[in-house]
C-alpha cells in the first residue's frame, strides 16, 4: 500500500453527576465534538489545553471534596481509502456508538489552592459498514462487501492545580497522560479476508501552564501555554494520520456585564510540528512505495466568543 486517506467525525454526549461531600447532587449534560480524527488532544477544558477546577464541579463548593461520574456516549463515523501498489483501491466506511466512563474529583486544599483530577476511559470503536474494492485488491473489482474496522481512542488521565496568589493573579498547572499505545494497529476485516495497518503509536504526555490576571473589577485577562508529546516517530507516521507534537498558545479576555452575565473571547494558536514522514518501500527501502515528506506550514488558529448567563441563585 502506498496511500491511505481517512476521515471521520465523532460526537460525545456526556451526562455528568457531581456530588459535594455533605451537599446535594449536581447533574449536568455536556456535548462535545471531536471533529477530524487527526486532532488527537482536543478534549481539554480550554483552548490552551489547560485543565481547570471548573471542568466538572459545581460553581459553589461549601465542602472540601467533590467527586463526579460521567457516562460519555460517543458516536463516530469513518471513511477510509487505501491505495494499492499498482493503482488498485479499497474504500471502507462504517459507524459505531460506544459508552465510556468519566471520573473526576476536586479537592479544595485551602482558600487559595485547589486540586482536580479526571479520568476518561478509552473507546474501542468497531466500525461496521461496507467495503468496495478494485483491481489488485480483489479478483472481482468493483464489488461491495461488508467490513469491520477496529480503532481505539485513548484513555486519558489529567491532574490540575489552581492557586490564587492574591486578589489579582491566579495560576494553573496541568499534567496529563493519554494511552495512545493501545492504537498499535488498525484492524480491517471483510468477507474476503483481513489485514492490520500498523501504527506503532506510543503514549503521549501533556504539560500546561496558565495565568489569570484581573485588570480591574469587571475585566479578566488570561494566557496559557501547553505542550503535547508526539505519539509516533517519522518512520511509523502515516499520511492519513500525520500527528506530531503539539504546542499551544492561548490568550483570552473576559468581561463581566452584571452579576449573572459575562462575555469572553479567546485566541489559540496551535503549532502542529512538521509531521515528517520517512517510510521505506514494501519490498526494499528504496522501492516504488517509498514515501517521504513533511507538512509545512502545519498550524491551526482558533478564535471563539462566548457568553454566560446564570439563572436562579
Protein backbone atom coordinates (compact mmCIF):
# COMPACT_ATOMS: atom_id res chain seq x y z
CA UNK A 1 0.00 0.00 0.00
CA UNK A 2 1.29 3.47 -0.83
CA UNK A 3 -1.55 5.69 0.25
CA UNK A 4 -4.31 5.83 2.82
CA UNK A 5 -6.86 8.57 3.26
CA UNK A 6 -9.02 8.51 6.36
CA UNK A 7 -11.61 10.89 7.67
CA UNK A 8 -14.11 10.62 10.46
CA UNK A 9 -16.17 12.63 12.88
CA UNK A 10 -17.02 11.82 16.47
CA UNK A 11 -19.66 13.28 18.74
CA UNK A 12 -19.58 12.83 22.50
CA UNK A 13 -22.53 13.36 24.82
CA UNK A 14 -21.52 13.49 28.50
CA UNK A 15 -24.04 13.08 31.30
CA UNK A 16 -22.14 14.04 34.45
CA UNK A 17 -23.12 13.82 38.08
CA UNK A 18 -21.12 15.75 40.68
CA UNK A 19 -21.58 15.38 44.43
CA UNK A 20 -20.05 17.53 47.14
CA UNK A 21 -19.48 15.58 50.32
CA UNK A 22 -22.42 16.51 52.53
CA UNK A 23 -24.09 18.57 49.81
CA UNK A 24 -26.79 17.96 47.20
CA UNK A 25 -26.19 16.19 43.89
CA UNK A 26 -25.44 18.38 40.90
CA UNK A 27 -26.20 16.96 37.44
CA UNK A 28 -25.09 18.46 34.14
CA UNK A 29 -25.11 17.44 30.48
CA UNK A 30 -22.34 18.44 28.12
CA UNK A 31 -21.92 17.99 24.35
CA UNK A 32 -18.53 17.78 22.68
CA UNK A 33 -17.41 17.26 19.11
CA UNK A 34 -14.03 15.68 18.39
CA UNK A 35 -14.00 16.66 14.73
CA UNK A 36 -11.47 15.12 12.34
CA UNK A 37 -9.59 12.17 13.76
CA UNK A 38 -6.32 13.92 13.02
CA UNK A 39 -6.92 16.02 16.14
CA UNK A 40 -5.60 13.88 18.96
CA UNK A 41 -5.64 16.08 22.03
CA UNK A 42 -8.71 18.19 21.72
CA UNK A 43 -10.81 17.36 24.77
CA UNK A 44 -9.26 19.69 27.30
CA UNK A 45 -11.32 22.25 29.10
CA UNK A 46 -9.92 25.32 27.37
CA UNK A 47 -8.17 26.01 24.10
CA UNK A 48 -4.68 26.09 25.56
CA UNK A 49 -5.09 22.53 26.77
CA UNK A 50 -5.32 23.57 30.42
CA UNK A 51 -7.48 21.61 32.82
CA UNK A 52 -9.01 23.80 35.50
CA UNK A 53 -11.04 23.02 38.58
CA UNK A 54 -14.19 24.32 36.87
CA UNK A 55 -14.44 21.37 34.47
CA UNK A 56 -16.96 19.13 36.24
CA UNK A 57 -17.54 20.91 39.53
CA UNK A 58 -20.49 22.98 40.83
CA UNK A 59 -19.81 26.70 40.93
CA UNK A 60 -20.26 27.00 44.73
CA UNK A 61 -18.32 24.48 46.79
CA UNK A 62 -19.10 24.56 50.51
CA UNK A 63 -17.18 21.31 51.22
CA UNK A 64 -13.53 20.49 50.58
CA UNK A 65 -14.07 17.37 48.48
CA UNK A 66 -16.20 16.84 45.37
CA UNK A 67 -16.46 13.77 43.14
CA UNK A 68 -18.01 13.32 39.72
CA UNK A 69 -19.16 10.47 37.49
CA UNK A 70 -19.92 10.81 33.77
CA UNK A 71 -21.17 8.40 31.11
CA UNK A 72 -19.95 9.81 27.77
CA UNK A 73 -21.61 8.36 24.67
CA UNK A 74 -19.51 8.59 21.51
CA UNK A 75 -20.99 8.28 18.03
CA UNK A 76 -18.33 8.15 15.31
CA UNK A 77 -18.25 7.71 11.52
CA UNK A 78 -15.36 6.53 9.36
CA UNK A 79 -14.44 6.80 5.67
CA UNK A 80 -11.16 5.23 4.58
CA UNK A 81 -9.49 4.89 1.17
CA UNK A 82 -6.50 2.58 0.76
CA UNK A 83 -4.43 2.78 -2.42
CA UNK A 84 -2.61 -0.25 -3.83
CA UNK A 85 0.84 -0.67 -5.33
CA UNK A 86 -0.40 -0.83 -8.95
CA UNK A 87 -3.28 1.59 -8.68
CA UNK A 88 -5.99 -0.51 -7.02
CA UNK A 89 -8.16 0.95 -4.31
CA UNK A 90 -10.28 -0.13 -1.36
CA UNK A 91 -12.95 2.17 0.06
CA UNK A 92 -14.22 1.34 3.55
CA UNK A 93 -16.85 3.11 5.65
CA UNK A 94 -18.79 2.47 8.83
CA UNK A 95 -20.07 3.90 12.09
CA UNK A 96 -20.29 2.90 15.74
CA UNK A 97 -21.58 4.07 19.13
CA UNK A 98 -19.81 3.33 22.42
CA UNK A 99 -20.31 4.30 26.08
CA UNK A 100 -17.36 5.21 28.28
CA UNK A 101 -16.72 6.28 31.87
CA UNK A 102 -15.62 9.71 33.07
CA UNK A 103 -14.45 10.04 36.69
CA UNK A 104 -13.39 13.30 38.32
CA UNK A 105 -12.50 14.54 41.77
CA UNK A 106 -11.91 18.01 43.18
CA UNK A 107 -10.25 18.99 46.44
CA UNK A 108 -10.05 22.45 47.99
CA UNK A 109 -6.78 22.47 49.93
CA UNK A 110 -7.40 25.93 51.37
CA UNK A 111 -8.95 29.25 50.37
CA UNK A 112 -6.26 29.80 47.71
CA UNK A 113 -5.38 26.32 46.39
CA UNK A 114 -7.50 23.72 44.57
CA UNK A 115 -6.68 20.35 43.02
CA UNK A 116 -8.57 18.45 40.33
CA UNK A 117 -8.13 15.03 38.67
CA UNK A 118 -10.16 13.39 35.93
CA UNK A 119 -10.03 10.08 34.08
CA UNK A 120 -11.66 9.29 30.73
CA UNK A 121 -11.87 5.64 29.68
CA UNK A 122 -10.89 4.52 26.19
CA UNK A 123 -13.39 4.00 23.37
CA UNK A 124 -12.98 0.77 21.37
CA UNK A 125 -14.77 1.63 18.14
CA UNK A 126 -15.87 -1.20 15.81
CA UNK A 127 -16.96 0.41 12.55
CA UNK A 128 -19.39 -1.92 10.79
CA UNK A 129 -20.09 -0.86 7.22
CA UNK A 130 -19.29 -1.62 3.61
CA UNK A 131 -16.07 -2.12 1.68
CA UNK A 132 -15.66 -1.62 -2.06
CA UNK A 133 -12.53 -3.00 -3.70
CA UNK A 134 -10.98 -2.71 -7.15
CA UNK A 135 -8.10 -4.08 -9.28
CA UNK A 136 -5.22 -5.62 -7.30
CA UNK A 137 -7.26 -5.79 -4.08
CA UNK A 138 -9.78 -8.30 -5.42
CA UNK A 139 -10.21 -10.69 -8.37
CA UNK A 140 -13.72 -9.27 -8.85
CA UNK A 141 -13.11 -5.49 -8.81
CA UNK A 142 -15.96 -3.16 -8.04
CA UNK A 143 -17.95 -5.49 -5.82
CA UNK A 144 -19.20 -4.36 -2.40
CA UNK A 145 -18.77 -6.47 0.71
CA UNK A 146 -19.41 -6.00 4.43
CA UNK A 147 -16.48 -4.76 6.50
CA UNK A 148 -15.39 -4.19 10.10
CA UNK A 149 -12.69 -1.72 11.14
CA UNK A 150 -11.43 -1.55 14.72
CA UNK A 151 -9.94 1.67 16.11
CA UNK A 152 -9.15 2.63 19.73
CA UNK A 153 -9.49 6.16 21.12
CA UNK A 154 -7.08 6.55 24.05
CA UNK A 155 -7.90 6.63 27.74
CA UNK A 156 -6.86 9.88 29.46
CA UNK A 157 -5.73 10.90 32.94
CA UNK A 158 -5.30 14.60 33.78
CA UNK A 159 -4.42 16.43 37.00
CA UNK A 160 -4.72 20.17 37.54
CA UNK A 161 -3.64 22.63 40.24
CA UNK A 162 -5.02 26.16 40.68
CA UNK A 163 -3.55 28.67 43.12
CA UNK A 164 -4.64 32.25 43.82
CA UNK A 165 -1.54 34.27 44.64
CA UNK A 166 -3.57 37.33 45.57
CA UNK A 167 -6.82 39.06 44.64
CA UNK A 168 -5.40 39.88 41.20
CA UNK A 169 -3.34 36.91 39.97
CA UNK A 170 -4.05 33.18 39.89
CA UNK A 171 -2.10 30.39 38.17
CA UNK A 172 -2.89 26.96 36.74
CA UNK A 173 -0.72 23.90 36.20
CA UNK A 174 -1.79 20.77 34.29
CA UNK A 175 -0.18 17.37 33.74
CA UNK A 176 -1.76 14.70 31.56
CA UNK A 177 -1.28 11.21 30.09
CA UNK A 178 -3.08 9.63 27.12
CA UNK A 179 -2.87 5.90 26.37
CA UNK A 180 -2.30 6.03 22.60
CA UNK A 181 -0.10 2.91 22.68
CA UNK A 182 -3.41 0.99 22.63
CA UNK A 183 -3.75 2.02 18.98
CA UNK A 184 -0.91 -0.28 17.92
CA UNK A 185 -2.66 -1.09 14.66
CA UNK A 186 -5.96 -0.60 12.83
CA UNK A 187 -7.67 -3.92 12.16
CA UNK A 188 -9.72 -4.29 8.96
CA UNK A 189 -11.73 -7.40 8.06
CA UNK A 190 -14.06 -8.21 5.15
CA UNK A 191 -15.73 -11.31 3.75
CA UNK A 192 -12.64 -11.72 1.51
CA UNK A 193 -10.14 -11.64 4.38
CA UNK A 194 -8.49 -9.20 6.75
CA UNK A 195 -5.43 -7.09 7.41
CA UNK A 196 -3.90 -4.85 10.06
CA UNK A 197 -2.48 -1.40 9.33
CA UNK A 198 0.50 -0.94 11.66
CA UNK A 199 0.55 2.34 13.60
CA UNK A 200 3.12 1.71 16.37
CA UNK A 201 1.88 4.67 18.41
CA UNK A 202 3.17 5.48 21.91
CA UNK A 203 1.55 7.13 24.91
CA UNK A 204 1.52 10.93 24.92
CA UNK A 205 2.11 13.37 27.78
CA UNK A 206 0.61 16.80 28.31
CA UNK A 207 2.12 19.78 30.15
CA UNK A 208 0.24 23.04 30.57
CA UNK A 209 0.62 26.30 32.46
CA UNK A 210 -1.66 29.32 32.60
CA UNK A 211 -2.32 32.57 34.39
CA UNK A 212 -5.37 34.75 35.10
CA UNK A 213 -4.97 38.45 35.75
CA UNK A 214 -7.76 40.77 36.87
CA UNK A 215 -7.24 44.05 35.06
CA UNK A 216 -9.94 45.74 37.13
CA UNK A 217 -13.19 44.73 38.78
CA UNK A 218 -15.08 43.66 35.65
CA UNK A 219 -12.22 42.57 33.36
CA UNK A 220 -10.04 39.46 33.42
CA UNK A 221 -7.09 38.58 31.16
CA UNK A 222 -5.82 35.02 30.79
CA UNK A 223 -2.96 33.35 28.93
CA UNK A 224 -1.77 29.77 28.64
CA UNK A 225 0.90 27.54 27.15
CA UNK A 226 0.64 23.77 26.61
CA UNK A 227 2.86 21.07 25.12
CA UNK A 228 1.78 17.58 23.99
CA UNK A 229 4.36 14.96 23.01
CA UNK A 230 4.14 13.12 19.70
CA UNK A 231 2.54 9.66 19.63
CA UNK A 232 4.63 8.43 16.70
CA UNK A 233 8.03 8.90 15.05
CA UNK A 234 8.77 9.75 11.43
CA UNK A 235 9.45 6.12 10.44
CA UNK A 236 5.97 4.99 11.55
CA UNK A 237 3.96 8.16 10.85
CA UNK A 238 1.38 7.83 8.04
CA UNK A 239 -0.15 10.39 5.68
CA UNK A 240 -3.71 9.65 6.80
CA UNK A 241 -2.92 10.48 10.46
CA UNK A 242 0.10 12.84 10.36
CA UNK A 243 0.24 13.56 14.10
CA UNK A 244 3.29 15.22 15.64
CA UNK A 245 3.98 17.04 18.88
CA UNK A 246 1.65 19.98 19.55
CA UNK A 247 2.41 23.37 21.11
CA UNK A 248 -0.47 25.68 22.03
CA UNK A 249 -0.52 29.37 22.90
CA UNK A 250 -3.78 30.81 24.20
CA UNK A 251 -4.88 34.34 25.08
CA UNK A 252 -8.28 35.36 26.39
CA UNK A 253 -10.27 38.29 27.73
CA UNK A 254 -13.40 38.13 29.89
CA UNK A 255 -15.77 40.93 30.82
CA UNK A 256 -18.49 40.74 33.47
CA UNK A 257 -21.52 42.79 32.44
CA UNK A 258 -23.58 42.09 35.56
CA UNK A 259 -23.64 39.68 38.47
CA UNK A 260 -25.25 37.00 36.29
CA UNK A 261 -23.85 37.79 32.82
CA UNK A 262 -20.37 37.71 31.25
CA UNK A 263 -18.80 37.55 27.79
CA UNK A 264 -15.39 36.19 26.80
CA UNK A 265 -13.12 35.95 23.74
CA UNK A 266 -10.21 33.60 23.19
CA UNK A 267 -7.48 33.26 20.56
CA UNK A 268 -5.50 30.00 20.30
CA UNK A 269 -2.53 29.25 18.05
CA UNK A 270 -1.51 25.58 17.67
CA UNK A 271 1.88 24.60 16.26
CA UNK A 272 1.35 21.03 14.96
CA UNK A 273 5.02 20.33 14.16
CA UNK A 274 6.27 19.37 10.70
CA UNK A 275 4.90 15.78 10.92
CA UNK A 276 7.84 14.39 8.97
CA UNK A 277 7.24 11.03 7.24
CA UNK A 278 10.01 8.67 6.16
CA UNK A 279 8.74 5.19 5.35
CA UNK A 280 10.55 2.60 3.24
CA UNK A 281 9.16 0.54 0.37
CA UNK A 282 7.30 -2.71 0.87
CA UNK A 283 9.92 -4.91 -0.84
CA UNK A 284 13.05 -2.82 -0.22
CA UNK A 285 13.79 0.53 1.48
CA UNK A 286 14.23 2.33 -1.84
CA UNK A 287 11.35 0.58 -3.65
CA UNK A 288 8.50 2.23 -5.57
CA UNK A 289 6.31 2.51 -2.47
CA UNK A 290 8.81 4.62 -0.51
CA UNK A 291 7.06 7.67 0.97
CA UNK A 292 8.78 10.72 2.45
CA UNK A 293 7.79 14.29 3.16
CA UNK A 294 6.65 16.78 5.78
CA UNK A 295 3.88 19.33 6.34
CA UNK A 296 4.84 23.00 6.10
CA UNK A 297 3.11 25.07 7.26
CA UNK A 298 1.28 22.91 9.80
CA UNK A 299 -0.64 25.01 12.29
CA UNK A 300 -4.16 25.89 13.43
CA UNK A 301 -5.70 29.14 14.68
CA UNK A 302 -8.89 29.21 16.77
CA UNK A 303 -10.94 32.23 17.75
CA UNK A 304 -14.00 31.90 19.96
CA UNK A 305 -16.51 34.25 21.57
CA UNK A 306 -18.81 33.05 24.34
CA UNK A 307 -21.49 34.41 26.64
CA UNK A 308 -22.56 33.08 30.04
CA UNK A 309 -25.75 33.62 31.97
CA UNK A 310 -26.53 32.37 35.47
CA UNK A 311 -30.13 31.53 36.27
CA UNK A 312 -31.51 31.42 39.79
CA UNK A 313 -29.48 31.81 42.93
